[in-house]
Amino acid sequence: MTKSITKLVLTQGLKKLLKSTNPIKILNKDGKTFVNNLIITERAGVYYITNVDVTFFSQKSAVAYAICIENKDNDLAKEIKEKDFRFNKLLDDMFYFKWSLKQRRDNFKRAIMLNRISDIKPKLKLAECQLNQSLKRVKIA
């Protein structure tokens, strides 16, 4: 008898808790993305979140970070921020190495650039997969 009463009290408490949380609302309007009270804007290829001193290089990462902030999931938010930065750093390195490869006439320097490109490709793919896995862990509801 006491088990069923305790279970009932816990169930009711959880229902009240779930009803009290604000649902996440995402809206695109006038080139801006709104996540509840946070506004994500894009300037010069970088995404900024109002009232938060953080920049992102992909819109999906910025929206996921804003959702984590709204859900008060700081660990996942920090993880998304770090993985977005790492992915963008590796992507910039890849573009630079490819550009340098086109500029080089010396075979030795071309070989160095080719080696750097072949070294960074798996790291870039791994960073992309890790970022996508982190983005999939974000709870919207």
N, C-alpha and C. Protein backbone atom coordinates (compact mmCIF):
# COMPACT_ATOMS: atom_id res chain seq x y z
N MET A 1 0.81 -1.19 0.00
CA MET A 1 0.00 0.00 0.00
C MET A 1 0.86 1.26 0.00
N THR A 2 1.91 1.30 0.82
CA THR A 2 2.75 2.49 0.88
C THR A 2 3.57 2.68 -0.38
N LYS A 3 3.92 1.58 -1.06
CA LYS A 3 4.65 1.69 -2.31
C LYS A 3 3.83 2.42 -3.36
N SER A 4 2.57 2.09 -3.46
CA SER A 4 1.72 2.72 -4.46
C SER A 4 1.48 4.20 -4.14
N ILE A 5 1.38 4.55 -2.87
CA ILE A 5 1.20 5.96 -2.49
C ILE A 5 2.47 6.75 -2.80
N THR A 6 3.62 6.17 -2.46
CA THR A 6 4.90 6.83 -2.75
C THR A 6 5.09 7.00 -4.25
N LYS A 7 4.74 5.97 -5.01
CA LYS A 7 4.86 6.03 -6.45
C LYS A 7 3.94 7.11 -7.02
N LEU A 8 2.75 7.23 -6.49
CA LEU A 8 1.78 8.24 -6.92
C LEU A 8 2.30 9.64 -6.63
N VAL A 9 2.85 9.83 -5.43
CA VAL A 9 3.38 11.15 -5.05
C VAL A 9 4.56 11.53 -5.95
N LEU A 10 5.45 10.58 -6.20
CA LEU A 10 6.60 10.85 -7.07
C LEU A 10 6.15 11.16 -8.50
N THR A 11 5.19 10.42 -9.01
CA THR A 11 4.68 10.65 -10.36
C THR A 11 4.06 12.03 -10.49
N GLN A 12 3.27 12.43 -9.49
CA GLN A 12 2.66 13.75 -9.52
C GLN A 12 3.71 14.84 -9.43
N GLY A 13 4.72 14.63 -8.62
CA GLY A 13 5.81 15.62 -8.49
C GLY A 13 6.57 15.78 -9.79
N LEU A 14 6.83 14.67 -10.48
CA LEU A 14 7.52 14.75 -11.76
C LEU A 14 6.67 15.44 -12.81
N LYS A 15 5.38 15.19 -12.82
CA LYS A 15 4.49 15.84 -13.78
C LYS A 15 4.48 17.35 -13.56
N LYS A 16 4.46 17.79 -12.30
CA LYS A 16 4.49 19.21 -11.99
C LYS A 16 5.80 19.83 -12.44
N LEU A 17 6.89 19.11 -12.22
CA LEU A 17 8.20 19.61 -12.61
C LEU A 17 8.30 19.75 -14.13
N LEU A 18 7.82 18.77 -14.85
CA LEU A 18 7.87 18.82 -16.31
C LEU A 18 6.96 19.91 -16.87
N LYS A 19 5.83 20.15 -16.24
CA LYS A 19 4.94 21.21 -16.71
C LYS A 19 5.52 22.59 -16.42
N SER A 20 6.32 22.72 -15.37
CA SER A 20 6.84 24.03 -14.99
C SER A 20 7.97 24.49 -15.90
N THR A 21 8.66 23.59 -16.59
CA THR A 21 9.75 24.01 -17.46
C THR A 21 9.19 24.66 -18.71
N ASN A 22 9.87 25.70 -19.15
CA ASN A 22 9.44 26.41 -20.35
C ASN A 22 9.83 25.62 -21.59
N PRO A 23 8.93 25.48 -22.54
CA PRO A 23 9.28 24.78 -23.76
C PRO A 23 10.22 25.64 -24.62
N ILE A 24 11.05 24.98 -25.39
CA ILE A 24 11.99 25.68 -26.26
C ILE A 24 11.26 26.07 -27.54
N LYS A 25 11.36 27.35 -27.89
CA LYS A 25 10.75 27.84 -29.11
C LYS A 25 11.85 28.40 -30.00
N ILE A 26 11.94 27.88 -31.23
CA ILE A 26 12.95 28.31 -32.19
C ILE A 26 12.23 28.99 -33.35
N LEU A 27 12.70 30.19 -33.71
CA LEU A 27 12.04 30.96 -34.74
C LEU A 27 13.09 31.66 -35.60
N ASN A 28 12.97 31.54 -36.94
CA ASN A 28 13.81 32.27 -37.87
C ASN A 28 13.04 33.47 -38.38
N LYS A 29 13.62 34.67 -38.22
CA LYS A 29 12.92 35.87 -38.66
C LYS A 29 13.95 36.96 -38.98
N ASP A 30 13.83 37.54 -40.15
CA ASP A 30 14.70 38.64 -40.58
C ASP A 30 16.18 38.30 -40.49
N GLY A 31 16.56 37.09 -40.86
CA GLY A 31 17.96 36.70 -40.83
C GLY A 31 18.50 36.42 -39.44
N LYS A 32 17.65 36.40 -38.46
CA LYS A 32 18.05 36.11 -37.09
C LYS A 32 17.32 34.86 -36.62
N THR A 33 17.94 34.14 -35.72
CA THR A 33 17.32 32.96 -35.14
C THR A 33 17.05 33.25 -33.67
N PHE A 34 15.82 33.04 -33.26
CA PHE A 34 15.42 33.27 -31.87
C PHE A 34 15.23 31.93 -31.18
N VAL A 35 15.88 31.76 -30.04
CA VAL A 35 15.69 30.59 -29.18
C VAL A 35 15.22 31.14 -27.84
N ASN A 36 13.91 31.09 -27.63
CA ASN A 36 13.26 31.73 -26.48
C ASN A 36 13.70 33.19 -26.40
N ASN A 37 14.49 33.59 -25.40
CA ASN A 37 14.88 34.99 -25.28
C ASN A 37 16.28 35.28 -25.83
N LEU A 38 16.95 34.29 -26.40
CA LEU A 38 18.28 34.48 -26.97
C LEU A 38 18.16 34.71 -28.48
N ILE A 39 18.98 35.63 -28.99
CA ILE A 39 18.97 35.96 -30.42
C ILE A 39 20.33 35.59 -31.00
N ILE A 40 20.29 34.83 -32.10
CA ILE A 40 21.52 34.42 -32.78
C ILE A 40 21.60 35.20 -34.09
N THR A 41 22.68 35.96 -34.25
CA THR A 41 22.88 36.75 -35.47
C THR A 41 24.18 36.32 -36.14
N GLU A 42 24.23 36.55 -37.45
CA GLU A 42 25.42 36.17 -38.23
C GLU A 42 26.08 37.44 -38.75
N ARG A 43 27.37 37.58 -38.48
CA ARG A 43 28.16 38.69 -39.00
C ARG A 43 29.50 38.16 -39.48
N ALA A 44 29.78 38.37 -40.75
CA ALA A 44 31.06 37.98 -41.36
C ALA A 44 31.35 36.49 -41.19
N GLY A 45 30.33 35.65 -41.33
CA GLY A 45 30.51 34.22 -41.26
C GLY A 45 30.62 33.64 -39.87
N VAL A 46 30.41 34.47 -38.84
CA VAL A 46 30.50 34.03 -37.46
C VAL A 46 29.14 34.29 -36.81
N TYR A 47 28.68 33.36 -36.00
CA TYR A 47 27.38 33.47 -35.33
C TYR A 47 27.58 33.91 -33.89
N TYR A 48 26.81 34.94 -33.51
CA TYR A 48 26.88 35.52 -32.17
C TYR A 48 25.55 35.29 -31.46
N ILE A 49 25.63 35.05 -30.15
CA ILE A 49 24.43 34.91 -29.33
C ILE A 49 24.38 36.13 -28.41
N THR A 50 23.23 36.82 -28.40
CA THR A 50 23.12 38.00 -27.54
C THR A 50 23.21 37.60 -26.07
N ASN A 51 23.81 38.48 -25.29
CA ASN A 51 23.98 38.31 -23.85
C ASN A 51 24.90 37.15 -23.48
N VAL A 52 25.54 36.53 -24.45
CA VAL A 52 26.49 35.46 -24.19
C VAL A 52 27.76 35.80 -24.98
N ASP A 53 28.89 35.79 -24.34
CA ASP A 53 30.15 36.19 -24.98
C ASP A 53 30.82 34.98 -25.64
N VAL A 54 30.13 34.40 -26.61
CA VAL A 54 30.64 33.21 -27.30
C VAL A 54 30.35 33.36 -28.79
N THR A 55 31.29 32.93 -29.63
CA THR A 55 31.07 32.93 -31.08
C THR A 55 31.11 31.50 -31.59
N PHE A 56 30.37 31.28 -32.68
CA PHE A 56 30.31 29.96 -33.30
C PHE A 56 30.52 30.09 -34.79
N PHE A 57 30.96 29.03 -35.40
CA PHE A 57 31.24 29.04 -36.82
C PHE A 57 30.18 28.31 -37.63
N SER A 58 29.26 27.63 -36.95
CA SER A 58 28.12 27.03 -37.65
C SER A 58 26.84 27.40 -36.90
N GLN A 59 25.79 27.59 -37.66
CA GLN A 59 24.52 28.00 -37.07
C GLN A 59 23.93 26.89 -36.20
N LYS A 60 24.11 25.63 -36.64
CA LYS A 60 23.58 24.51 -35.85
C LYS A 60 24.21 24.48 -34.46
N SER A 61 25.51 24.74 -34.39
CA SER A 61 26.19 24.74 -33.10
C SER A 61 25.70 25.88 -32.22
N ALA A 62 25.48 27.05 -32.82
CA ALA A 62 25.00 28.20 -32.05
C ALA A 62 23.61 27.94 -31.48
N VAL A 63 22.73 27.37 -32.31
CA VAL A 63 21.36 27.06 -31.85
C VAL A 63 21.40 25.99 -30.76
N ALA A 64 22.22 24.96 -30.95
CA ALA A 64 22.32 23.89 -29.95
C ALA A 64 22.87 24.44 -28.63
N TYR A 65 23.84 25.35 -28.71
CA TYR A 65 24.40 25.97 -27.51
C TYR A 65 23.33 26.78 -26.79
N ALA A 66 22.55 27.54 -27.55
CA ALA A 66 21.48 28.35 -26.95
C ALA A 66 20.44 27.45 -26.27
N ILE A 67 20.11 26.33 -26.89
CA ILE A 67 19.16 25.40 -26.29
C ILE A 67 19.73 24.82 -24.99
N CYS A 68 21.02 24.49 -24.99
CA CYS A 68 21.64 23.97 -23.77
C CYS A 68 21.64 25.02 -22.66
N ILE A 69 21.86 26.27 -23.02
CA ILE A 69 21.83 27.34 -22.02
C ILE A 69 20.41 27.47 -21.44
N GLU A 70 19.41 27.39 -22.31
CA GLU A 70 18.02 27.48 -21.84
C GLU A 70 17.66 26.28 -20.95
N ASN A 71 18.20 25.10 -21.27
CA ASN A 71 17.93 23.90 -20.48
C ASN A 71 18.85 23.78 -19.26
N LYS A 72 19.78 24.73 -19.12
CA LYS A 72 20.75 24.74 -18.03
C LYS A 72 21.63 23.49 -18.04
N ASP A 73 22.01 23.06 -19.24
CA ASP A 73 22.92 21.92 -19.41
C ASP A 73 24.29 22.48 -19.79
N ASN A 74 25.02 22.98 -18.79
CA ASN A 74 26.28 23.68 -19.04
C ASN A 74 27.39 22.78 -19.54
N ASP A 75 27.40 21.51 -19.13
CA ASP A 75 28.44 20.60 -19.57
C ASP A 75 28.35 20.36 -21.08
N LEU A 76 27.16 20.08 -21.57
CA LEU A 76 26.97 19.86 -23.00
C LEU A 76 27.22 21.14 -23.79
N ALA A 77 26.85 22.28 -23.24
CA ALA A 77 27.08 23.56 -23.91
C ALA A 77 28.58 23.80 -24.08
N LYS A 78 29.35 23.53 -23.04
CA LYS A 78 30.80 23.71 -23.11
C LYS A 78 31.42 22.75 -24.14
N GLU A 79 30.92 21.52 -24.15
CA GLU A 79 31.41 20.52 -25.10
C GLU A 79 31.14 20.95 -26.55
N ILE A 80 29.95 21.47 -26.81
CA ILE A 80 29.60 21.92 -28.16
C ILE A 80 30.49 23.08 -28.58
N LYS A 81 30.72 24.01 -27.67
CA LYS A 81 31.56 25.16 -27.97
C LYS A 81 32.98 24.72 -28.33
N GLU A 82 33.55 23.80 -27.56
CA GLU A 82 34.91 23.33 -27.81
C GLU A 82 35.01 22.55 -29.12
N LYS A 83 34.03 21.71 -29.39
CA LYS A 83 34.08 20.90 -30.61
C LYS A 83 33.84 21.74 -31.86
N ASP A 84 33.00 22.76 -31.77
CA ASP A 84 32.80 23.67 -32.90
C ASP A 84 34.08 24.42 -33.20
N PHE A 85 34.78 24.88 -32.16
CA PHE A 85 36.04 25.59 -32.36
C PHE A 85 37.09 24.68 -32.99
N ARG A 86 37.20 23.46 -32.49
CA ARG A 86 38.19 22.51 -33.02
C ARG A 86 37.91 22.18 -34.49
N PHE A 87 36.64 21.93 -34.81
CA PHE A 87 36.28 21.61 -36.19
C PHE A 87 36.61 22.77 -37.12
N ASN A 88 36.30 23.99 -36.70
CA ASN A 88 36.58 25.15 -37.54
C ASN A 88 38.08 25.37 -37.70
N LYS A 89 38.86 25.15 -36.66
CA LYS A 89 40.31 25.29 -36.74
C LYS A 89 40.89 24.31 -37.76
N LEU A 90 40.45 23.06 -37.69
CA LEU A 90 40.94 22.07 -38.64
C LEU A 90 40.49 22.38 -40.06
N LEU A 91 39.28 22.90 -40.22
CA LEU A 91 38.78 23.28 -41.53
C LEU A 91 39.60 24.43 -42.11
N ASP A 92 39.92 25.41 -41.30
CA ASP A 92 40.77 26.52 -41.76
C ASP A 92 42.16 26.02 -42.15
N ASP A 93 42.71 25.11 -41.36
CA ASP A 93 44.02 24.55 -41.70
C ASP A 93 43.96 23.83 -43.05
N MET A 94 42.89 23.08 -43.29
CA MET A 94 42.74 22.36 -44.55
C MET A 94 42.69 23.33 -45.73
N PHE A 95 41.91 24.40 -45.60
CA PHE A 95 41.83 25.39 -46.68
C PHE A 95 43.19 26.04 -46.92
N TYR A 96 43.90 26.35 -45.84
CA TYR A 96 45.22 26.97 -45.99
C TYR A 96 46.20 26.02 -46.68
N PHE A 97 46.21 24.75 -46.29
CA PHE A 97 47.11 23.79 -46.91
C PHE A 97 46.79 23.61 -48.39
N LYS A 98 45.51 23.56 -48.74
CA LYS A 98 45.14 23.42 -50.15
C LYS A 98 45.54 24.66 -50.95
N TRP A 99 45.35 25.84 -50.36
CA TRP A 99 45.75 27.07 -51.03
C TRP A 99 47.26 27.09 -51.21
N SER A 100 48.01 26.71 -50.16
CA SER A 100 49.47 26.69 -50.24
C SER A 100 49.95 25.69 -51.28
N LEU A 101 49.24 24.59 -51.41
CA LEU A 101 49.62 23.58 -52.41
C LEU A 101 49.54 24.16 -53.82
N LYS A 102 48.50 24.94 -54.09
CA LYS A 102 48.36 25.55 -55.41
C LYS A 102 49.42 26.59 -55.68
N GLN A 103 49.92 27.26 -54.66
CA GLN A 103 50.90 28.34 -54.82
C GLN A 103 52.33 27.81 -54.98
N ARG A 104 52.61 26.63 -54.51
CA ARG A 104 53.97 26.09 -54.52
C ARG A 104 54.35 25.55 -55.89
N ARG A 105 55.57 25.86 -56.29
CA ARG A 105 56.12 25.31 -57.53
C ARG A 105 57.19 24.26 -57.23
N ASP A 106 57.81 24.37 -56.09
CA ASP A 106 58.86 23.45 -55.69
C ASP A 106 58.24 22.11 -55.29
N ASN A 107 58.75 21.02 -55.84
CA ASN A 107 58.18 19.69 -55.54
C ASN A 107 58.33 19.31 -54.08
N PHE A 108 59.41 19.71 -53.45
CA PHE A 108 59.62 19.38 -52.04
C PHE A 108 58.54 20.05 -51.18
N LYS A 109 58.28 21.32 -51.42
CA LYS A 109 57.26 22.04 -50.64
C LYS A 109 55.86 21.52 -50.95
N ARG A 110 55.64 21.12 -52.19
CA ARG A 110 54.34 20.53 -52.55
C ARG A 110 54.14 19.21 -51.80
N ALA A 111 55.20 18.43 -51.69
CA ALA A 111 55.11 17.16 -50.97
C ALA A 111 54.79 17.40 -49.49
N ILE A 112 55.38 18.45 -48.92
CA ILE A 112 55.09 18.78 -47.52
C ILE A 112 53.61 19.14 -47.36
N MET A 113 53.09 19.96 -48.28
CA MET A 113 51.68 20.35 -48.20
C MET A 113 50.77 19.14 -48.40
N LEU A 114 51.11 18.25 -49.31
CA LEU A 114 50.31 17.04 -49.51
C LEU A 114 50.31 16.16 -48.26
N ASN A 115 51.47 16.06 -47.61
CA ASN A 115 51.55 15.29 -46.37
C ASN A 115 50.70 15.91 -45.27
N ARG A 116 50.71 17.23 -45.19
CA ARG A 116 49.89 17.91 -44.18
C ARG A 116 48.40 17.71 -44.45
N ILE A 117 48.04 17.75 -45.73
CA ILE A 117 46.63 17.54 -46.09
C ILE A 117 46.21 16.12 -45.74
N SER A 118 47.05 15.15 -46.09
CA SER A 118 46.68 13.76 -45.80
C SER A 118 46.68 13.49 -44.28
N ASP A 119 47.44 14.26 -43.52
CA ASP A 119 47.45 14.10 -42.06
C ASP A 119 46.20 14.70 -41.44
N ILE A 120 45.72 15.80 -42.01
CA ILE A 120 44.61 16.51 -41.37
C ILE A 120 43.24 15.96 -41.78
N LYS A 121 43.14 15.27 -42.90
CA LYS A 121 41.84 14.76 -43.36
C LYS A 121 41.14 13.86 -42.34
N PRO A 122 41.81 12.84 -41.78
CA PRO A 122 41.11 12.01 -40.78
C PRO A 122 40.77 12.78 -39.50
N LYS A 123 41.62 13.73 -39.11
CA LYS A 123 41.33 14.54 -37.92
C LYS A 123 40.10 15.40 -38.16
N LEU A 124 39.98 15.94 -39.37
CA LEU A 124 38.82 16.76 -39.71
C LEU A 124 37.54 15.93 -39.70
N LYS A 125 37.60 14.75 -40.28
CA LYS A 125 36.42 13.87 -40.31
C LYS A 125 36.02 13.46 -38.90
N LEU A 126 36.99 13.15 -38.07
CA LEU A 126 36.72 12.77 -36.68
C LEU A 126 36.09 13.94 -35.90
N ALA A 127 36.63 15.13 -36.10
CA ALA A 127 36.09 16.31 -35.41
C ALA A 127 34.65 16.57 -35.85
N GLU A 128 34.37 16.39 -37.14
CA GLU A 128 33.01 16.58 -37.64
C GLU A 128 32.05 15.57 -37.03
N CYS A 129 32.47 14.31 -36.97
CA CYS A 129 31.62 13.27 -36.37
C CYS A 129 31.36 13.54 -34.89
N GLN A 130 32.40 13.96 -34.17
CA GLN A 130 32.23 14.25 -32.74
C GLN A 130 31.30 15.43 -32.52
N LEU A 131 31.42 16.46 -33.37
CA LEU A 131 30.52 17.61 -33.26
C LEU A 131 29.08 17.19 -33.54
N ASN A 132 28.86 16.39 -34.57
CA ASN A 132 27.51 15.93 -34.89
C ASN A 132 26.92 15.07 -33.78
N GLN A 133 27.74 14.23 -33.15
CA GLN A 133 27.25 13.42 -32.04
C GLN A 133 26.85 14.30 -30.87
N SER A 134 27.61 15.33 -30.60
CA SER A 134 27.27 16.25 -29.51
C SER A 134 25.98 17.01 -29.83
N LEU A 135 25.81 17.40 -31.09
CA LEU A 135 24.59 18.12 -31.48
C LEU A 135 23.36 17.24 -31.38
N LYS A 136 23.52 15.94 -31.62
CA LYS A 136 22.39 15.02 -31.53
C LYS A 136 21.95 14.79 -30.08
N ARG A 137 22.83 15.06 -29.12
CA ARG A 137 22.50 14.84 -27.71
C ARG A 137 21.67 15.97 -27.11
N VAL A 138 21.49 17.06 -27.85
CA VAL A 138 20.74 18.21 -27.33
C VAL A 138 19.25 17.85 -27.27
N LYS A 139 18.65 18.12 -26.13
CA LYS A 139 17.23 17.83 -25.91
C LYS A 139 16.44 19.11 -26.17
N ILE A 140 15.55 19.09 -27.16
CA ILE A 140 14.76 20.27 -27.48
C ILE A 140 13.52 20.33 -26.61
N ALA A 141 12.87 19.22 -26.41
CA ALA A 141 11.60 19.22 -25.63
C ALA A 141 11.87 19.20 -24.15
